[in-house]
PDB file of N, CA and C in Angstrom:
ATOM      1  N   MET A   1     -38.108   0.616 -21.767  1.00  0.00           N
ATOM      2  CA  MET A   1     -37.104   0.623 -21.806  1.00  0.00           C
ATOM      3  C   MET A   1     -36.421   2.121 -21.276  1.00  0.00           C
ATOM      4  N   GLU A   2     -35.954   1.803 -19.999  1.00  0.00           N
ATOM      5  CA  GLU A   2     -35.782   3.406 -19.564  1.00  0.00           C
ATOM      6  C   GLU A   2     -34.516   3.650 -19.425  1.00  0.00           C
ATOM      7  N   THR A   3     -34.548   4.963 -20.761  1.00  0.00           N
ATOM      8  CA  THR A   3     -33.184   5.656 -19.926  1.00  0.00           C
ATOM      9  C   THR A   3     -32.816   6.052 -18.466  1.00  0.00           C
ATOM     10  N   LYS A   4     -31.017   6.377 -18.719  1.00  0.00           N
ATOM     11  CA  LYS A   4     -30.766   6.732 -17.209  1.00  0.00           C
ATOM     12  C   LYS A   4     -29.739   7.374 -17.658  1.00  0.00           C
ATOM     13  N   GLU A   5     -29.985   8.937 -16.892  1.00  0.00           N
ATOM     14  CA  GLU A   5     -28.595   9.201 -18.013  1.00  0.00           C
ATOM     15  C   GLU A   5     -27.762  10.312 -16.717  1.00  0.00           C
ATOM     16  N   LEU A   6     -26.606   9.964 -17.598  1.00  0.00           N
ATOM     17  CA  LEU A   6     -24.987   9.059 -16.369  1.00  0.00           C
ATOM     18  C   LEU A   6     -25.010  10.601 -16.018  1.00  0.00           C
ATOM     19  N   LYS A   7     -24.309  10.989 -14.860  1.00  0.00           N
ATOM     20  CA  LYS A   7     -24.196  11.781 -13.266  1.00  0.00           C
ATOM     21  C   LYS A   7     -23.189  12.468 -14.139  1.00  0.00           C
ATOM     22  N   GLN A   8     -22.598  13.417 -13.949  1.00  0.00           N
ATOM     23  CA  GLN A   8     -21.323  14.102 -14.872  1.00  0.00           C
ATOM     24  C   GLN A   8     -20.375  14.318 -13.096  1.00  0.00           C
ATOM     25  N   ILE A   9     -19.101  13.705 -13.083  1.00  0.00           N
ATOM     26  CA  ILE A   9     -18.083  13.491 -11.849  1.00  0.00           C
ATOM     27  C   ILE A   9     -18.174  14.224 -11.248  1.00  0.00           C
ATOM     28  N   GLU A  10     -18.165  15.557 -10.449  1.00  0.00           N
ATOM     29  CA  GLU A  10     -17.635  16.411  -9.572  1.00  0.00           C
ATOM     30  C   GLU A  10     -16.561  16.452  -9.364  1.00  0.00           C
ATOM     31  N   LYS A  11     -16.140  15.496  -8.400  1.00  0.00           N
ATOM     32  CA  LYS A  11     -14.810  15.388  -7.883  1.00  0.00           C
ATOM     33  C   LYS A  11     -13.913  14.592  -8.993  1.00  0.00           C
ATOM     34  N   VAL A  12     -12.797  15.304  -8.814  1.00  0.00           N
ATOM     35  CA  VAL A  12     -11.900  14.196  -9.657  1.00  0.00           C
ATOM     36  C   VAL A  12     -10.725  13.408  -8.844  1.00  0.00           C
ATOM     37  N   ALA A  13     -10.635  14.130  -7.563  1.00  0.00           N
ATOM     38  CA  ALA A  13      -9.266  13.446  -6.321  1.00  0.00           C
ATOM     39  C   ALA A  13     -10.046  13.022  -5.336  1.00  0.00           C
ATOM     40  N   GLN A  14      -9.732  12.514  -4.404  1.00  0.00           N
ATOM     41  CA  GLN A  14     -10.284  12.163  -3.069  1.00  0.00           C
ATOM     42  C   GLN A  14      -8.904  11.305  -2.212  1.00  0.00           C
ATOM     43  N   LYS A  15      -9.204  12.082  -1.115  1.00  0.00           N
ATOM     44  CA  LYS A  15      -8.257  11.552  -0.027  1.00  0.00           C
ATOM     45  C   LYS A  15      -8.872  11.202   1.058  1.00  0.00           C
ATOM     46  N   ILE A  16      -7.993  10.791   1.881  1.00  0.00           N
ATOM     47  CA  ILE A  16      -8.697  10.037   2.753  1.00  0.00           C
ATOM     48  C   ILE A  16      -7.112   9.775   4.119  1.00  0.00           C
ATOM     49  N   GLN A  17      -7.350  10.369   5.125  1.00  0.00           N
ATOM     50  CA  GLN A  17      -6.784  10.480   6.414  1.00  0.00           C
ATOM     51  C   GLN A  17      -6.839   8.727   7.019  1.00  0.00           C
ATOM     52  N   LEU A  18      -5.655   7.802   6.169  1.00  0.00           N
ATOM     53  CA  LEU A  18      -5.594   6.744   6.023  1.00  0.00           C
ATOM     54  C   LEU A  18      -5.394   6.088   7.922  1.00  0.00           C
ATOM     55  N   VAL A  19      -4.045   7.039   8.561  1.00  0.00           N
ATOM     56  CA  VAL A  19      -3.730   6.615   9.782  1.00  0.00           C
ATOM     57  C   VAL A  19      -3.326   8.053  10.286  1.00  0.00           C
ATOM     58  N   LYS A  20      -3.018   8.688  10.795  1.00  0.00           N
ATOM     59  CA  LYS A  20      -2.809   9.766  11.773  1.00  0.00           C
ATOM     60  C   LYS A  20      -2.072   9.783  13.251  1.00  0.00           C
ATOM     61  N   GLY A  21      -1.315   9.875  13.398  1.00  0.00           N
ATOM     62  CA  GLY A  21      -0.785  10.657  15.477  1.00  0.00           C
ATOM     63  C   GLY A  21       0.118   9.576  15.529  1.00  0.00           C
ATOM     64  N   GLU A  22       0.447  10.008  16.504  1.00  0.00           N
ATOM     65  CA  GLU A  22       1.775   9.224  17.139  1.00  0.00           C
ATOM     66  C   GLU A  22       1.566   8.225  17.700  1.00  0.00           C
ATOM     67  N   PHE A  23       2.484   6.714  18.003  1.00  0.00           N
ATOM     68  CA  PHE A  23       2.291   5.814  17.989  1.00  0.00           C
ATOM     69  C   PHE A  23       3.957   5.264  18.563  1.00  0.00           C
ATOM     70  N   THR A  24       3.963   3.750  19.715  1.00  0.00           N
ATOM     71  CA  THR A  24       4.703   3.259  20.269  1.00  0.00           C
ATOM     72  C   THR A  24       5.592   2.473  18.983  1.00  0.00           C
ATOM     73  N   PRO A  25       6.947   2.384  19.225  1.00  0.00           N
ATOM     74  CA  PRO A  25       7.220   1.520  18.079  1.00  0.00           C
ATOM     75  C   PRO A  25       6.473   0.293  17.749  1.00  0.00           C
ATOM     76  N   SER A  26       6.198  -0.750  18.835  1.00  0.00           N
ATOM     77  CA  SER A  26       6.291  -1.586  18.357  1.00  0.00           C
ATOM     78  C   SER A  26       4.021  -0.979  17.710  1.00  0.00           C
ATOM     79  N   GLU A  27       3.190  -0.434  17.724  1.00  0.00           N
ATOM     80  CA  GLU A  27       2.204   0.078  17.148  1.00  0.00           C
ATOM     81  C   GLU A  27       2.482   0.199  15.660  1.00  0.00           C
ATOM     82  N   ALA A  28       3.610   1.440  15.593  1.00  0.00           N
ATOM     83  CA  ALA A  28       3.823   1.550  14.155  1.00  0.00           C
ATOM     84  C   ALA A  28       4.092   0.678  13.268  1.00  0.00           C
ATOM     85  N   SER A  29       5.289   0.271  14.416  1.00  0.00           N
ATOM     86  CA  SER A  29       5.639  -1.619  13.364  1.00  0.00           C
ATOM     87  C   SER A  29       4.339  -1.817  12.757  1.00  0.00           C
ATOM     88  N   HIS A  30       3.390  -2.840  13.950  1.00  0.00           N
ATOM     89  CA  HIS A  30       2.481  -3.215  13.313  1.00  0.00           C
ATOM     90  C   HIS A  30       1.685  -2.476  12.488  1.00  0.00           C
ATOM     91  N   ILE A  31       1.324  -1.591  12.160  1.00  0.00           N
ATOM     92  CA  ILE A  31       0.480  -0.497  11.154  1.00  0.00           C
ATOM     93  C   ILE A  31       1.284  -0.656   9.497  1.00  0.00           C
ATOM     94  N   VAL A  32       2.864  -0.053   9.885  1.00  0.00           N
ATOM     95  CA  VAL A  32       3.675  -0.106   8.669  1.00  0.00           C
ATOM     96  C   VAL A  32       3.695  -1.209   7.618  1.00  0.00           C
ATOM     97  N   VAL A  33       4.018  -3.024   9.120  1.00  0.00           N
ATOM     98  CA  VAL A  33       4.311  -4.035   8.502  1.00  0.00           C
ATOM     99  C   VAL A  33       3.005  -4.257   7.848  1.00  0.00           C
ATOM    100  N   ASN A  34       1.951  -4.319   8.421  1.00  0.00           N
ATOM    101  CA  ASN A  34       0.574  -4.466   7.441  1.00  0.00           C
ATOM    102  C   ASN A  34       0.236  -4.197   6.146  1.00  0.00           C
ATOM    103  N   LEU A  35       0.453  -2.281   6.273  1.00  0.00           N
ATOM    104  CA  LEU A  35      -0.621  -1.713   5.172  1.00  0.00           C
ATOM    105  C   LEU A  35       1.086  -2.759   4.207  1.00  0.00           C
ATOM    106  N   ILE A  36       2.015  -2.364   4.072  1.00  0.00           N
ATOM    107  CA  ILE A  36       3.276  -3.128   3.317  1.00  0.00           C
ATOM    108  C   ILE A  36       2.875  -4.176   2.640  1.00  0.00           C
ATOM    109  N   ASP A  37       2.533  -5.552   4.062  1.00  0.00           N
ATOM    110  CA  ASP A  37       1.843  -6.767   3.432  1.00  0.00           C
ATOM    111  C   ASP A  37       1.397  -6.863   2.793  1.00  0.00           C
ATOM    112  N   GLU A  38      -0.252  -5.545   3.151  1.00  0.00           N
ATOM    113  CA  GLU A  38      -1.275  -5.961   2.288  1.00  0.00           C
ATOM    114  C   GLU A  38      -0.795  -5.730   0.960  1.00  0.00           C
ATOM    115  N   LYS A  39      -0.579  -4.797   0.552  1.00  0.00           N
ATOM    116  CA  LYS A  39       0.208  -4.518  -0.820  1.00  0.00           C
ATOM    117  C   LYS A  39       1.325  -5.754  -1.486  1.00  0.00           C
ATOM    118  N   ILE A  40       1.881  -5.694  -0.992  1.00  0.00           N
ATOM    119  CA  ILE A  40       2.617  -7.523  -1.490  1.00  0.00           C
ATOM    120  C   ILE A  40       1.705  -8.408  -2.125  1.00  0.00           C
ATOM    121  N   ASN A  41       0.604  -8.707  -0.814  1.00  0.00           N
ATOM    122  CA  ASN A  41      -0.605  -9.600  -1.155  1.00  0.00           C
ATOM    123  C   ASN A  41      -0.940  -9.925  -2.273  1.00  0.00           C
ATOM    124  N   PHE A  42      -1.425  -8.603  -2.419  1.00  0.00           N
ATOM    125  CA  PHE A  42      -2.268  -7.671  -3.498  1.00  0.00           C
ATOM    126  C   PHE A  42      -1.781  -8.075  -4.892  1.00  0.00           C
ATOM    127  N   HIS A  43      -0.521  -8.308  -5.038  1.00  0.00           N
ATOM    128  CA  HIS A  43       0.633  -8.022  -6.182  1.00  0.00           C
ATOM    129  C   HIS A  43       0.816  -9.408  -6.600  1.00  0.00           C
ATOM    130  N   LYS A  44       0.539 -10.041  -4.883  1.00  0.00           N
ATOM    131  CA  LYS A  44       0.634 -11.807  -4.991  1.00  0.00           C
ATOM    132  C   LYS A  44      -0.326 -12.935  -6.074  1.00  0.00           C
ATOM    133  N   ILE A  45      -1.150 -12.029  -5.739  1.00  0.00           N
ATOM    134  CA  ILE A  45      -2.429 -12.632  -6.297  1.00  0.00           C
ATOM    135  C   ILE A  45      -2.698 -11.881  -7.395  1.00  0.00           C
ATOM    136  N   GLN A  46      -2.156 -10.727  -7.938  1.00  0.00           N
ATOM    137  CA  GLN A  46      -2.461  -9.939  -9.619  1.00  0.00           C
ATOM    138  C   GLN A  46      -1.294 -11.177 -10.523  1.00  0.00           C
ATOM    139  N   ARG A  47       0.033 -11.495  -9.094  1.00  0.00           N
ATOM    140  CA  ARG A  47       0.973 -12.422 -10.807  1.00  0.00           C
ATOM    141  C   ARG A  47      -0.200 -13.984 -10.521  1.00  0.00           C
ATOM    142  N   LEU A  48      -0.777 -14.269  -9.277  1.00  0.00           N
ATOM    143  CA  LEU A  48      -1.568 -16.107  -9.383  1.00  0.00           C
ATOM    144  C   LEU A  48      -2.423 -15.607 -10.466  1.00  0.00           C
ATOM    145  N   GLN A  49      -3.374 -15.260 -10.807  1.00  0.00           N
ATOM    146  CA  GLN A  49      -3.950 -14.612 -11.731  1.00  0.00           C
ATOM    147  C   GLN A  49      -3.994 -14.569 -12.936  1.00  0.00           C
ATOM    148  N   MET A  50      -2.420 -13.849 -13.072  1.00  0.00           N
ATOM    149  CA  MET A  50      -2.069 -13.906 -14.507  1.00  0.00           C
ATOM    150  C   MET A  50      -1.544 -15.026 -14.946  1.00  0.00           C
ATOM    151  N   TRP A  51      -0.940 -15.829 -14.064  1.00  0.00           N
ATOM    152  CA  TRP A  51      -0.122 -17.116 -14.290  1.00  0.00           C
ATOM    153  C   TRP A  51      -1.616 -18.016 -14.600  1.00  0.00           C
ATOM    154  N   GLU A  52      -2.612 -18.624 -14.054  1.00  0.00           N
ATOM    155  CA  GLU A  52      -3.408 -19.107 -13.975  1.00  0.00           C
ATOM    156  C   GLU A  52      -4.343 -19.025 -15.688  1.00  0.00           C
ATOM    157  N   GLY A  53      -4.152 -17.764 -16.200  1.00  0.00           N
ATOM    158  CA  GLY A  53      -4.255 -17.803 -17.661  1.00  0.00           C
ATOM    159  C   GLY A  53      -3.589 -17.650 -18.982  1.00  0.00           C
ATOM    160  N   ASN A  54      -1.994 -17.993 -18.178  1.00  0.00           N
ATOM    161  CA  ASN A  54      -1.061 -18.225 -19.053  1.00  0.00           C
ATOM    162  C   ASN A  54       0.290 -18.554 -18.373  1.00  0.00           C
ATOM    163  N   HIS A  55      -0.108 -19.378 -18.493  1.00  0.00           N
ATOM    164  CA  HIS A  55       2.199 -20.084 -17.285  1.00  0.00           C
ATOM    165  C   HIS A  55       2.745 -19.351 -17.934  1.00  0.00           C
ATOM    166  N   LYS A  56       2.693 -19.280 -19.325  1.00  0.00           N
ATOM    167  CA  LYS A  56       4.237 -18.617 -19.681  1.00  0.00           C
ATOM    168  C   LYS A  56       4.131 -17.150 -19.950  1.00  0.00           C
ATOM    169  N   CYS A  57       3.150 -16.088 -19.055  1.00  0.00           N
ATOM    170  CA  CYS A  57       2.876 -14.794 -18.614  1.00  0.00           C
ATOM    171  C   CYS A  57       4.507 -14.513 -18.688  1.00  0.00           C
ATOM    172  N   LYS A  58       4.461 -13.127 -18.367  1.00  0.00           N
ATOM    173  CA  LYS A  58       5.923 -12.447 -17.710  1.00  0.00           C
ATOM    174  C   LYS A  58       5.251 -11.445 -16.401  1.00  0.00           C
ATOM    175  N   THR A  59       5.158 -11.842 -15.287  1.00  0.00           N
ATOM    176  CA  THR A  59       5.661 -10.639 -14.370  1.00  0.00           C
ATOM    177  C   THR A  59       6.471 -10.604 -13.584  1.00  0.00           C
ATOM    178  N   ASP A  60       7.883  -9.987 -14.857  1.00  0.00           N
ATOM    179  CA  ASP A  60       8.654  -9.075 -14.140  1.00  0.00           C
ATOM    180  C   ASP A  60       8.276  -8.109 -13.189  1.00  0.00           C
ATOM    181  N   LEU A  61       7.070  -7.350 -13.754  1.00  0.00           N
ATOM    182  CA  LEU A  61       6.649  -5.172 -13.599  1.00  0.00           C
ATOM    183  C   LEU A  61       6.531  -6.454 -11.536  1.00  0.00           C
ATOM    184  N   LEU A  62       5.335  -7.436 -11.946  1.00  0.00           N
ATOM    185  CA  LEU A  62       4.893  -7.901 -10.635  1.00  0.00           C
ATOM    186  C   LEU A  62       5.685  -7.895  -9.618  1.00  0.00           C
ATOM    187  N   ASP A  63       6.824  -8.906  -9.894  1.00  0.00           N
ATOM    188  CA  ASP A  63       8.192  -9.771  -9.737  1.00  0.00           C
ATOM    189  C   ASP A  63       9.051  -8.506  -8.825  1.00  0.00           C
ATOM    190  N   GLY A  64       8.843  -7.494  -9.620  1.00  0.00           N
ATOM    191  CA  GLY A  64       9.901  -6.468  -9.093  1.00  0.00           C
ATOM    192  C   GLY A  64       9.333  -5.560  -8.170  1.00  0.00           C
ATOM    193  N   ARG A  65       8.243  -5.310  -8.402  1.00  0.00           N
ATOM    194  CA  ARG A  65       7.649  -4.907  -7.610  1.00  0.00           C
ATOM    195  C   ARG A  65       7.011  -5.292  -6.223  1.00  0.00           C
ATOM    196  N   ILE A  66       7.063  -6.467  -5.886  1.00  0.00           N
ATOM    197  CA  ILE A  66       7.320  -6.969  -4.499  1.00  0.00           C
ATOM    198  C   ILE A  66       8.527  -6.660  -4.480  1.00  0.00           C
ATOM    199  N   LYS A  67       9.537  -7.397  -4.928  1.00  0.00           N
ATOM    200  CA  LYS A  67      10.814  -7.352  -4.230  1.00  0.00           C
ATOM    201  C   LYS A  67      10.795  -6.026  -3.351  1.00  0.00           C
ATOM    202  N   GLU A  68      10.753  -4.496  -4.164  1.00  0.00           N
ATOM    203  CA  GLU A  68      10.716  -3.230  -4.005  1.00  0.00           C
ATOM    204  C   GLU A  68      10.104  -2.820  -2.316  1.00  0.00           C
ATOM    205  N   LEU A  69       8.568  -3.804  -2.377  1.00  0.00           N
ATOM    206  CA  LEU A  69       8.200  -3.859  -1.067  1.00  0.00           C
ATOM    207  C   LEU A  69       8.846  -4.438  -0.278  1.00  0.00           C
ATOM    208  N   GLU A  70       9.694  -5.583   0.039  1.00  0.00           N
ATOM    209  CA  GLU A  70      10.027  -6.147   0.474  1.00  0.00           C
ATOM    210  C   GLU A  70      10.963  -5.399   1.218  1.00  0.00           C
ATOM    211  N   LYS A  71      12.105  -4.622   0.579  1.00  0.00           N
ATOM    212  CA  LYS A  71      13.242  -3.833   0.924  1.00  0.00           C
ATOM    213  C   LYS A  71      12.470  -2.771   1.112  1.00  0.00           C
ATOM    214  N   GLU A  72      11.704  -2.016   1.315  1.00  0.00           N
ATOM    215  CA  GLU A  72      10.704  -1.418   2.174  1.00  0.00           C
ATOM    216  C   GLU A  72      10.238  -1.808   3.691  1.00  0.00           C
ATOM    217  N   LYS A  73       9.829  -2.697   3.474  1.00  0.00           N
ATOM    218  CA  LYS A  73       9.554  -2.856   4.765  1.00  0.00           C
ATOM    219  C   LYS A  73      10.540  -3.308   5.669  1.00  0.00           C
ATOM    220  N   VAL A  74      12.574  -3.696   5.317  1.00  0.00           N
ATOM    221  CA  VAL A  74      13.607  -4.559   5.930  1.00  0.00           C
ATOM    222  C   VAL A  74      13.474  -2.992   6.720  1.00  0.00           C
ATOM    223  N   ILE A  75      13.577  -1.594   5.600  1.00  0.00           N
ATOM    224  CA  ILE A  75      13.917  -0.290   5.973  1.00  0.00           C
ATOM    225  C   ILE A  75      13.398   0.447   6.926  1.00  0.00           C
ATOM    226  N   ALA A  76      12.032   0.110   6.849  1.00  0.00           N
ATOM    227  CA  ALA A  76      10.934   0.517   8.110  1.00  0.00           C
ATOM    228  C   ALA A  76      11.487   0.110   9.568  1.00  0.00           C
ATOM    229  N   LYS A  77      11.269  -1.573   9.116  1.00  0.00           N
ATOM    230  CA  LYS A  77      11.920  -1.628  10.623  1.00  0.00           C
ATOM    231  C   LYS A  77      12.819  -1.690  11.185  1.00  0.00           C
ATOM    232  N   GLU A  78      13.991  -1.197  10.219  1.00  0.00           N
ATOM    233  CA  GLU A  78      15.350  -1.025  11.016  1.00  0.00           C
ATOM    234  C   GLU A  78      15.553   0.520  11.947  1.00  0.00           C
ATOM    235  N   PHE A  79      14.478   0.955  11.027  1.00  0.00           N
ATOM    236  CA  PHE A  79      14.086   3.009  11.105  1.00  0.00           C
ATOM    237  C   PHE A  79      13.084   2.797  12.313  1.00  0.00           C
ATOM    238  N   ILE A  80      12.469   1.755  12.839  1.00  0.00           N
ATOM    239  CA  ILE A  80      11.659   1.488  13.968  1.00  0.00           C
ATOM    240  C   ILE A  80      12.557   1.649  15.223  1.00  0.00           C
ATOM    241  N   ASN A  81      13.400  -0.130  14.935  1.00  0.00           N
ATOM    242  CA  ASN A  81      13.905  -0.788  15.895  1.00  0.00           C
ATOM    243  C   ASN A  81      14.686   1.046  16.132  1.00  0.00           C
ATOM    244  N   ASN A  82      15.984   1.393  15.348  1.00  0.00           N
ATOM    245  CA  ASN A  82      16.604   2.291  15.701  1.00  0.00           C
ATOM    246  C   ASN A  82      15.904   3.374  17.166  1.00  0.00           C
ATOM    247  N   ILE A  83      14.388   3.770  16.487  1.00  0.00           N
ATOM    248  CA  ILE A  83      13.580   4.821  17.050  1.00  0.00           C
ATOM    249  C   ILE A  83      13.606   4.139  18.351  1.00  0.00           C
ATOM    250  N   ARG A  84      12.688   3.077  18.844  1.00  0.00           N
ATOM    251  CA  ARG A  84      12.433   2.547  20.036  1.00  0.00           C
ATOM    252  C   ARG A  84      14.659   2.406  20.834  1.00  0.00           C
ATOM    253  N   SER A  85      15.164   2.085  19.971  1.00  0.00           N
ATOM    254  CA  SER A  85      16.597   1.490  21.440  1.00  0.00           C
ATOM    255  C   SER A  85      16.548   3.329  21.695  1.00  0.00           C
ATOM    256  N   LEU A  86      15.568   4.126  21.328  1.00  0.00           N
ATOM    257  CA  LEU A  86      15.859   5.619  21.212  1.00  0.00           C
ATOM    258  C   LEU A  86      15.226   5.906  23.059  1.00  0.00           C
ATOM    259  N   GLY A  87      14.002   5.107  22.783  1.00  0.00           N
ATOM    260  CA  GLY A  87      12.622   4.791  23.061  1.00  0.00           C
ATOM    261  C   GLY A  87      11.814   6.191  23.440  1.00  0.00           C
ATOM    262  N   GLN A  88      12.065   6.694  22.141  1.00  0.00           N
ATOM    263  CA  GLN A  88      10.809   7.392  21.399  1.00  0.00           C
ATOM    264  C   GLN A  88       9.851   6.672  21.186  1.00  0.00           C
ATOM    265  N   ASN A  89       8.471   7.841  20.383  1.00  0.00           N
ATOM    266  CA  ASN A  89       7.561   7.475  19.781  1.00  0.00           C
ATOM    267  C   ASN A  89       7.516   8.226  18.417  1.00  0.00           C
ATOM    268  N   LEU A  90       6.560   7.285  17.481  1.00  0.00           N
ATOM    269  CA  LEU A  90       6.853   8.160  16.264  1.00  0.00           C
ATOM    270  C   LEU A  90       5.548   8.925  15.641  1.00  0.00           C
ATOM    271  N   LYS A  91       5.165   9.568  15.272  1.00  0.00           N
ATOM    272  CA  LYS A  91       4.122   9.743  14.103  1.00  0.00           C
ATOM    273  C   LYS A  91       3.871   9.582  12.475  1.00  0.00           C
ATOM    274  N   ILE A  92       2.807   9.285  12.103  1.00  0.00           N
ATOM    275  CA  ILE A  92       2.344   8.894  11.268  1.00  0.00           C
ATOM    276  C   ILE A  92       0.948   9.690  10.704  1.00  0.00           C
ATOM    277  N   ASN A  93       1.741   9.722   9.249  1.00  0.00           N
ATOM    278  CA  ASN A  93       0.856  11.262   8.117  1.00  0.00           C
ATOM    279  C   ASN A  93       0.623  10.281   6.941  1.00  0.00           C
ATOM    280  N   GLY A  94      -0.354   8.973   7.420  1.00  0.00           N
ATOM    281  CA  GLY A  94      -0.691   9.030   5.442  1.00  0.00           C
ATOM    282  C   GLY A  94      -2.148   9.202   5.564  1.00  0.00           C
ATOM    283  N   ILE A  95      -1.776   9.581   4.373  1.00  0.00           N
ATOM    284  CA  ILE A  95      -2.706  10.193   3.258  1.00  0.00           C
ATOM    285  C   ILE A  95      -3.549   9.424   2.202  1.00  0.00           C
ATOM    286  N   LEU A  96      -3.989   8.862   1.617  1.00  0.00           N
ATOM    287  CA  LEU A  96      -4.265   8.419   0.678  1.00  0.00           C
ATOM    288  C   LEU A  96      -5.073   9.051  -0.671  1.00  0.00           C
ATOM    289  N   GLU A  97      -4.354   9.119  -1.187  1.00  0.00           N
ATOM    290  CA  GLU A  97      -4.218  10.385  -2.895  1.00  0.00           C
ATOM    291  C   GLU A  97      -5.094   9.260  -3.554  1.00  0.00           C
ATOM    292  N   ILE A  98      -6.335   9.509  -3.902  1.00  0.00           N
ATOM    293  CA  ILE A  98      -7.112   8.921  -5.355  1.00  0.00           C
ATOM    294  C   ILE A  98      -7.635   9.971  -6.466  1.00  0.00           C
ATOM    295  N   SER A  99      -6.837   9.130  -7.615  1.00  0.00           N
ATOM    296  CA  SER A  99      -7.417  10.339  -8.582  1.00  0.00           C
ATOM    297  C   SER A  99      -8.144   9.540 -10.015  1.00  0.00           C
ATOM    298  N   VAL A 100      -9.234  10.172 -10.856  1.00  0.00           N
ATOM    299  CA  VAL A 100      -8.985  10.243 -12.044  1.00  0.00           C
ATOM    300  C   VAL A 100      -7.858   8.982 -12.876  1.00  0.00           C
ATOM    301  N   ALA A 101      -7.590   8.282 -13.442  1.00  0.00           N
ATOM    302  CA  ALA A 101      -6.445   8.011 -14.241  1.00  0.00           C
ATOM    303  C   ALA A 101      -6.861   8.695 -15.617  1.00  0.00           C
ATOM    304  N   GLN A 102      -6.102   9.188 -16.352  1.00  0.00           N
ATOM    305  CA  GLN A 102      -6.177   9.943 -17.521  1.00  0.00           C
ATOM    306  C   GLN A 102      -5.225   9.006 -18.787  1.00  0.00           C
TER     307      GLN A 102
END
């Protein structure tokens, strides 16, 4: 039997530049809405998996988060539409920060 040594993790955090640049309102809307929709779908899948394991489980936290994200999507769309009416572009700077949970 071979013994493998576990490597010490040197980095405890990582940043990923997910989105950066200037976008037309249509492009910005597409990017923002799709990112929010992906997160909503993630939570819906989590909720379904919980329900499949136990039909009586409480999904209040996931339901609440889904509602929050739906509201944020409406707010983002309204903001982008206001900028569209001004004939301006938008800058998006989306950095994803990942770190070790403690």
